[in-house]
């Protein structure tokens, strides 16, 4: 009788775990769909708050923190006020640190760290360019080493190179090969599941067209 009871308890635990995981995936996919269509800061803020709420519930999951950070970075791109831009990036950085603790040596997390730092430069490129550019390079290189097939580190480096002065090795000529490398990786990159990061392809294609990189 005790063995039967124990077996029933184990089966119930497994069923509850599967149900919980199924609900997590459902909520995440719904918010990811909203993230992809969000155009305004207000819409993005609602998405970010939802990811933060999921992260508080699913404390062992890195993806809610990752996507919350990504959404705040995207908001910072749209924000014009420098102080507000930094505040948004601070929120992103806090979430990203949690994601890094939950999933160490993760190419996607480190690539987003590089992207966040890239947006930091845009707040004040004159004073931050030299210091932060090196960090973008090192983070992107680390992300590439961890997963050479990941296209996002190449995209981040391409954007950085494009916006650097030519005297420091920047410009279209230097950026174009990186955009092409990113494009090649985007063509073959396959996320392991529907929740994994898969952003950047449209922007890479758009920027290549804008600078005449073919």
C-alpha atoms as a PDB file:
ATOM      1  CA  UNK A   1       0.000   0.000   0.000  1.00  0.00           C
ATOM      2  CA  UNK A   2       2.831   2.381   0.898  1.00  0.00           C
ATOM      3  CA  UNK A   3       4.531   1.642  -2.441  1.00  0.00           C
ATOM      4  CA  UNK A   4       1.322   2.398  -4.331  1.00  0.00           C
ATOM      5  CA  UNK A   5       0.850   5.650  -2.416  1.00  0.00           C
ATOM      6  CA  UNK A   6       4.446   6.654  -3.096  1.00  0.00           C
ATOM      7  CA  UNK A   7       4.024   5.857  -6.787  1.00  0.00           C
ATOM      8  CA  UNK A   8       0.861   7.972  -6.971  1.00  0.00           C
ATOM      9  CA  UNK A   9       2.630  10.874  -5.280  1.00  0.00           C
ATOM     10  CA  UNK A  10       5.516  10.639  -7.750  1.00  0.00           C
ATOM     11  CA  UNK A  11       3.147  10.521 -10.715  1.00  0.00           C
ATOM     12  CA  UNK A  12       1.214  13.513  -9.389  1.00  0.00           C
ATOM     13  CA  UNK A  13       4.445  15.455  -8.929  1.00  0.00           C
ATOM     14  CA  UNK A  14       5.517  14.721 -12.502  1.00  0.00           C
ATOM     15  CA  UNK A  15       2.101  15.722 -13.856  1.00  0.00           C
ATOM     16  CA  UNK A  16       2.109  18.982 -11.908  1.00  0.00           C
ATOM     17  CA  UNK A  17       5.629  19.767 -13.124  1.00  0.00           C
ATOM     18  CA  UNK A  18       4.600  19.165 -16.734  1.00  0.00           C
ATOM     19  CA  UNK A  19       1.489  21.307 -16.314  1.00  0.00           C
ATOM     20  CA  UNK A  20       3.531  24.103 -14.755  1.00  0.00           C
ATOM     21  CA  UNK A  21       6.089  23.960 -17.553  1.00  0.00           C
ATOM     22  CA  UNK A  22       3.331  23.966 -20.152  1.00  0.00           C
ATOM     23  CA  UNK A  23       1.780  27.062 -18.610  1.00  0.00           C
ATOM     24  CA  UNK A  24       5.202  28.749 -18.519  1.00  0.00           C
ATOM     25  CA  UNK A  25       5.744  28.106 -22.223  1.00  0.00           C
ATOM     26  CA  UNK A  26       2.244  29.345 -23.040  1.00  0.00           C
ATOM     27  CA  UNK A  27       2.710  32.629 -21.157  1.00  0.00           C
ATOM     28  CA  UNK A  28       6.195  33.141 -22.581  1.00  0.00           C
ATOM     29  CA  UNK A  29       5.099  32.567 -26.171  1.00  0.00           C
ATOM     30  CA  UNK A  30       2.187  34.969 -25.735  1.00  0.00           C
ATOM     31  CA  UNK A  31       4.474  37.707 -24.437  1.00  0.00           C
ATOM     32  CA  UNK A  32       7.091  37.026 -27.109  1.00  0.00           C
ATOM     33  CA  UNK A  33       4.392  37.579 -29.719  1.00  0.00           C
ATOM     34  CA  UNK A  34       3.591  40.928 -28.097  1.00  0.00           C
ATOM     35  CA  UNK A  35       7.293  41.802 -27.999  1.00  0.00           C
ATOM     36  CA  UNK A  36       7.634  41.255 -31.740  1.00  0.00           C
ATOM     37  CA  UNK A  37       4.750  43.610 -32.548  1.00  0.00           C
ATOM     38  CA  UNK A  38       5.442  46.294 -29.918  1.00  0.00           C
ATOM     39  CA  UNK A  39       6.322  49.592 -31.604  1.00  0.00           C
ATOM     40  CA  UNK A  40       6.005  52.247 -28.899  1.00  0.00           C
ATOM     41  CA  UNK A  41       7.794  52.662 -25.576  1.00  0.00           C
ATOM     42  CA  UNK A  42       4.460  52.199 -23.795  1.00  0.00           C
ATOM     43  CA  UNK A  43       3.841  48.878 -25.529  1.00  0.00           C
ATOM     44  CA  UNK A  44       7.389  47.732 -24.834  1.00  0.00           C
ATOM     45  CA  UNK A  45       7.084  48.744 -21.176  1.00  0.00           C
ATOM     46  CA  UNK A  46       4.057  46.474 -20.764  1.00  0.00           C
ATOM     47  CA  UNK A  47       5.994  43.616 -22.360  1.00  0.00           C
ATOM     48  CA  UNK A  48       9.025  44.205 -20.117  1.00  0.00           C
ATOM     49  CA  UNK A  49       6.847  44.260 -16.994  1.00  0.00           C
ATOM     50  CA  UNK A  50       5.264  40.957 -18.012  1.00  0.00           C
ATOM     51  CA  UNK A  51       8.665  39.312 -18.483  1.00  0.00           C
ATOM     52  CA  UNK A  52       9.714  40.622 -15.060  1.00  0.00           C
ATOM     53  CA  UNK A  53       6.542  39.151 -13.567  1.00  0.00           C
ATOM     54  CA  UNK A  54       7.279  35.781 -15.170  1.00  0.00           C
ATOM     55  CA  UNK A  55      10.857  35.947 -13.872  1.00  0.00           C
ATOM     56  CA  UNK A  56       9.621  36.475 -10.315  1.00  0.00           C
ATOM     57  CA  UNK A  57       7.428  33.383 -10.609  1.00  0.00           C
ATOM     58  CA  UNK A  58       9.885  31.203 -12.535  1.00  0.00           C
ATOM     59  CA  UNK A  59      12.980  31.975 -10.477  1.00  0.00           C
ATOM     60  CA  UNK A  60      15.092  29.258 -12.072  1.00  0.00           C
ATOM     61  CA  UNK A  61      14.472  30.307 -15.684  1.00  0.00           C
ATOM     62  CA  UNK A  62      16.937  32.580 -17.476  1.00  0.00           C
ATOM     63  CA  UNK A  63      14.819  33.443 -20.512  1.00  0.00           C
ATOM     64  CA  UNK A  64      12.290  35.776 -18.788  1.00  0.00           C
ATOM     65  CA  UNK A  65      15.191  37.844 -17.442  1.00  0.00           C
ATOM     66  CA  UNK A  66      16.893  37.766 -20.839  1.00  0.00           C
ATOM     67  CA  UNK A  67      13.836  38.974 -22.730  1.00  0.00           C
ATOM     68  CA  UNK A  68      13.047  41.568 -20.088  1.00  0.00           C
ATOM     69  CA  UNK A  69      16.569  42.913 -20.572  1.00  0.00           C
ATOM     70  CA  UNK A  70      16.264  42.793 -24.361  1.00  0.00           C
ATOM     71  CA  UNK A  71      13.005  44.748 -24.244  1.00  0.00           C
ATOM     72  CA  UNK A  72      14.548  47.453 -22.060  1.00  0.00           C
ATOM     73  CA  UNK A  73      17.488  47.707 -24.469  1.00  0.00           C
ATOM     74  CA  UNK A  74      15.062  48.174 -27.352  1.00  0.00           C
ATOM     75  CA  UNK A  75      13.271  50.878 -25.363  1.00  0.00           C
ATOM     76  CA  UNK A  76      16.610  52.604 -24.768  1.00  0.00           C
ATOM     77  CA  UNK A  77      17.232  52.653 -28.525  1.00  0.00           C
ATOM     78  CA  UNK A  78      14.034  54.654 -29.003  1.00  0.00           C
ATOM     79  CA  UNK A  79      14.599  56.988 -26.058  1.00  0.00           C
ATOM     80  CA  UNK A  80      16.187  60.347 -26.906  1.00  0.00           C
ATOM     81  CA  UNK A  81      16.931  61.674 -23.410  1.00  0.00           C
ATOM     82  CA  UNK A  82      20.375  60.472 -22.301  1.00  0.00           C
ATOM     83  CA  UNK A  83      19.485  60.138 -18.619  1.00  0.00           C
ATOM     84  CA  UNK A  84      16.365  58.115 -19.381  1.00  0.00           C
ATOM     85  CA  UNK A  85      18.278  55.963 -21.851  1.00  0.00           C
ATOM     86  CA  UNK A  86      20.814  55.079 -19.156  1.00  0.00           C
ATOM     87  CA  UNK A  87      18.039  54.311 -16.661  1.00  0.00           C
ATOM     88  CA  UNK A  88      16.490  51.839 -19.073  1.00  0.00           C
ATOM     89  CA  UNK A  89      19.866  50.240 -19.723  1.00  0.00           C
ATOM     90  CA  UNK A  90      20.451  49.971 -15.972  1.00  0.00           C
ATOM     91  CA  UNK A  91      17.208  47.991 -15.683  1.00  0.00           C
ATOM     92  CA  UNK A  92      18.294  45.795 -18.573  1.00  0.00           C
ATOM     93  CA  UNK A  93      21.698  45.196 -17.019  1.00  0.00           C
ATOM     94  CA  UNK A  94      20.174  44.108 -13.711  1.00  0.00           C
ATOM     95  CA  UNK A  95      17.976  41.528 -15.423  1.00  0.00           C
ATOM     96  CA  UNK A  96      20.840  40.366 -17.616  1.00  0.00           C
ATOM     97  CA  UNK A  97      23.061  39.771 -14.601  1.00  0.00           C
ATOM     98  CA  UNK A  98      20.389  37.473 -13.201  1.00  0.00           C
ATOM     99  CA  UNK A  99      20.160  35.642 -16.521  1.00  0.00           C
ATOM    100  CA  UNK A 100      23.950  35.202 -16.531  1.00  0.00           C
ATOM    101  CA  UNK A 101      23.873  33.703 -13.033  1.00  0.00           C
ATOM    102  CA  UNK A 102      21.121  31.286 -14.013  1.00  0.00           C
ATOM    103  CA  UNK A 103      22.831  30.324 -17.283  1.00  0.00           C
ATOM    104  CA  UNK A 104      26.617  30.909 -17.137  1.00  0.00           C
ATOM    105  CA  UNK A 105      28.708  30.861 -20.307  1.00  0.00           C
ATOM    106  CA  UNK A 106      25.615  31.355 -22.456  1.00  0.00           C
ATOM    107  CA  UNK A 107      26.399  32.752 -25.910  1.00  0.00           C
ATOM    108  CA  UNK A 108      23.029  34.488 -26.190  1.00  0.00           C
ATOM    109  CA  UNK A 109      23.297  36.194 -22.809  1.00  0.00           C
ATOM    110  CA  UNK A 110      26.824  37.401 -23.514  1.00  0.00           C
ATOM    111  CA  UNK A 111      25.849  38.617 -26.995  1.00  0.00           C
ATOM    112  CA  UNK A 112      23.069  40.669 -25.410  1.00  0.00           C
ATOM    113  CA  UNK A 113      25.586  42.058 -22.919  1.00  0.00           C
ATOM    114  CA  UNK A 114      27.630  43.219 -25.910  1.00  0.00           C
ATOM    115  CA  UNK A 115      24.526  44.743 -27.505  1.00  0.00           C
ATOM    116  CA  UNK A 116      23.586  46.543 -24.286  1.00  0.00           C
ATOM    117  CA  UNK A 117      27.083  47.995 -24.055  1.00  0.00           C
ATOM    118  CA  UNK A 118      26.830  49.108 -27.686  1.00  0.00           C
ATOM    119  CA  UNK A 119      23.705  51.108 -26.850  1.00  0.00           C
ATOM    120  CA  UNK A 120      25.537  52.574 -23.834  1.00  0.00           C
ATOM    121  CA  UNK A 121      28.017  54.084 -26.265  1.00  0.00           C
ATOM    122  CA  UNK A 122      25.228  55.843 -28.151  1.00  0.00           C
ATOM    123  CA  UNK A 123      24.358  57.840 -25.024  1.00  0.00           C
ATOM    124  CA  UNK A 124      27.663  59.716 -25.305  1.00  0.00           C
ATOM    125  CA  UNK A 125      29.944  58.314 -27.989  1.00  0.00           C
ATOM    126  CA  UNK A 126      32.674  60.914 -27.473  1.00  0.00           C
ATOM    127  CA  UNK A 127      33.326  60.075 -23.825  1.00  0.00           C
ATOM    128  CA  UNK A 128      32.288  56.421 -23.867  1.00  0.00           C
ATOM    129  CA  UNK A 129      33.478  55.238 -27.253  1.00  0.00           C
ATOM    130  CA  UNK A 130      37.012  54.199 -26.412  1.00  0.00           C
ATOM    131  CA  UNK A 131      36.223  52.579 -23.052  1.00  0.00           C
ATOM    132  CA  UNK A 132      33.049  50.756 -24.040  1.00  0.00           C
ATOM    133  CA  UNK A 133      34.119  49.691 -27.539  1.00  0.00           C
ATOM    134  CA  UNK A 134      36.722  47.349 -26.095  1.00  0.00           C
ATOM    135  CA  UNK A 135      34.094  45.758 -23.890  1.00  0.00           C
ATOM    136  CA  UNK A 136      31.766  45.251 -26.862  1.00  0.00           C
ATOM    137  CA  UNK A 137      34.588  43.556 -28.785  1.00  0.00           C
ATOM    138  CA  UNK A 138      35.514  41.253 -25.891  1.00  0.00           C
ATOM    139  CA  UNK A 139      31.921  40.270 -25.113  1.00  0.00           C
ATOM    140  CA  UNK A 140      31.105  39.620 -28.766  1.00  0.00           C
ATOM    141  CA  UNK A 141      34.267  37.534 -29.171  1.00  0.00           C
ATOM    142  CA  UNK A 142      33.353  35.478 -26.105  1.00  0.00           C
ATOM    143  CA  UNK A 143      29.845  34.900 -27.452  1.00  0.00           C
ATOM    144  CA  UNK A 144      31.303  33.799 -30.804  1.00  0.00           C
ATOM    145  CA  UNK A 145      33.685  31.366 -29.126  1.00  0.00           C
ATOM    146  CA  UNK A 146      30.853  29.799 -27.141  1.00  0.00           C
ATOM    147  CA  UNK A 147      28.694  29.387 -30.247  1.00  0.00           C
ATOM    148  CA  UNK A 148      30.297  30.149 -33.635  1.00  0.00           C
ATOM    149  CA  UNK A 149      26.909  29.663 -35.328  1.00  0.00           C
ATOM    150  CA  UNK A 150      25.260  32.461 -33.347  1.00  0.00           C
ATOM    151  CA  UNK A 151      24.690  35.397 -35.760  1.00  0.00           C
ATOM    152  CA  UNK A 152      24.009  38.060 -33.117  1.00  0.00           C
ATOM    153  CA  UNK A 153      27.614  38.707 -32.007  1.00  0.00           C
ATOM    154  CA  UNK A 154      28.540  39.436 -35.644  1.00  0.00           C
ATOM    155  CA  UNK A 155      25.598  41.834 -35.970  1.00  0.00           C
ATOM    156  CA  UNK A 156      26.643  43.723 -32.838  1.00  0.00           C
ATOM    157  CA  UNK A 157      30.232  44.007 -34.067  1.00  0.00           C
ATOM    158  CA  UNK A 158      29.053  45.135 -37.502  1.00  0.00           C
ATOM    159  CA  UNK A 159      26.976  47.956 -35.990  1.00  0.00           C
ATOM    160  CA  UNK A 160      29.902  48.981 -33.803  1.00  0.00           C
ATOM    161  CA  UNK A 161      32.328  49.026 -36.743  1.00  0.00           C
ATOM    162  CA  UNK A 162      29.870  50.959 -38.881  1.00  0.00           C
ATOM    163  CA  UNK A 163      29.652  53.737 -36.311  1.00  0.00           C
ATOM    164  CA  UNK A 164      33.357  53.925 -35.499  1.00  0.00           C
ATOM    165  CA  UNK A 165      35.536  56.583 -37.175  1.00  0.00           C
ATOM    166  CA  UNK A 166      37.495  55.258 -40.151  1.00  0.00           C
ATOM    167  CA  UNK A 167      40.739  56.353 -38.514  1.00  0.00           C
ATOM    168  CA  UNK A 168      40.046  53.800 -35.787  1.00  0.00           C
ATOM    169  CA  UNK A 169      39.179  50.971 -38.155  1.00  0.00           C
ATOM    170  CA  UNK A 170      35.502  51.730 -38.597  1.00  0.00           C
ATOM    171  CA  UNK A 171      33.249  52.574 -41.518  1.00  0.00           C
ATOM    172  CA  UNK A 172      31.285  50.725 -44.186  1.00  0.00           C
ATOM    173  CA  UNK A 173      34.268  48.875 -45.666  1.00  0.00           C
ATOM    174  CA  UNK A 174      35.134  47.347 -42.297  1.00  0.00           C
ATOM    175  CA  UNK A 175      31.538  46.703 -41.263  1.00  0.00           C
ATOM    176  CA  UNK A 176      30.294  45.048 -44.451  1.00  0.00           C
ATOM    177  CA  UNK A 177      32.134  41.698 -44.010  1.00  0.00           C
ATOM    178  CA  UNK A 178      30.703  41.428 -40.502  1.00  0.00           C
ATOM    179  CA  UNK A 179      27.173  42.081 -41.743  1.00  0.00           C
ATOM    180  CA  UNK A 180      27.741  39.399 -44.392  1.00  0.00           C
ATOM    181  CA  UNK A 181      28.984  36.931 -41.791  1.00  0.00           C
ATOM    182  CA  UNK A 182      25.925  37.648 -39.667  1.00  0.00           C
ATOM    183  CA  UNK A 183      23.669  37.178 -42.711  1.00  0.00           C
ATOM    184  CA  UNK A 184      25.280  33.816 -43.473  1.00  0.00           C
ATOM    185  CA  UNK A 185      24.764  32.648 -39.902  1.00  0.00           C
ATOM    186  CA  UNK A 186      21.178  33.922 -39.844  1.00  0.00           C
ATOM    187  CA  UNK A 187      20.406  31.756 -42.868  1.00  0.00           C
ATOM    188  CA  UNK A 188      21.478  28.574 -41.116  1.00  0.00           C
ATOM    189  CA  UNK A 189      20.735  29.386 -37.464  1.00  0.00           C
ATOM    190  CA  UNK A 190      18.063  27.187 -35.886  1.00  0.00           C
ATOM    191  CA  UNK A 191      16.829  27.921 -32.327  1.00  0.00           C
ATOM    192  CA  UNK A 192      16.584  24.771 -30.228  1.00  0.00           C
ATOM    193  CA  UNK A 193      12.957  25.608 -29.392  1.00  0.00           C
ATOM    194  CA  UNK A 194      10.330  28.312 -29.850  1.00  0.00           C
ATOM    195  CA  UNK A 195      11.405  30.247 -26.769  1.00  0.00           C
ATOM    196  CA  UNK A 196      15.067  30.656 -27.636  1.00  0.00           C
ATOM    197  CA  UNK A 197      16.449  33.987 -28.949  1.00  0.00           C
ATOM    198  CA  UNK A 198      16.060  34.493 -32.680  1.00  0.00           C
ATOM    199  CA  UNK A 199      16.186  38.262 -33.167  1.00  0.00           C
ATOM    200  CA  UNK A 200      18.311  40.416 -35.448  1.00  0.00           C
ATOM    201  CA  UNK A 201      17.892  39.018 -38.967  1.00  0.00           C
ATOM    202  CA  UNK A 202      15.539  41.743 -40.224  1.00  0.00           C
ATOM    203  CA  UNK A 203      17.732  44.501 -38.842  1.00  0.00           C
ATOM    204  CA  UNK A 204      20.865  42.961 -40.338  1.00  0.00           C
ATOM    205  CA  UNK A 205      19.193  42.777 -43.759  1.00  0.00           C
ATOM    206  CA  UNK A 206      17.917  46.342 -43.481  1.00  0.00           C
ATOM    207  CA  UNK A 207      21.304  47.772 -42.507  1.00  0.00           C
ATOM    208  CA  UNK A 208      23.054  45.926 -45.324  1.00  0.00           C
ATOM    209  CA  UNK A 209      20.650  47.524 -47.806  1.00  0.00           C
ATOM    210  CA  UNK A 210      21.105  50.969 -46.273  1.00  0.00           C
ATOM    211  CA  UNK A 211      24.887  50.910 -46.671  1.00  0.00           C
ATOM    212  CA  UNK A 212      24.918  49.060 -50.001  1.00  0.00           C
ATOM    213  CA  UNK A 213      26.572  45.962 -48.589  1.00  0.00           C
ATOM    214  CA  UNK A 214      25.906  43.113 -51.020  1.00  0.00           C
END
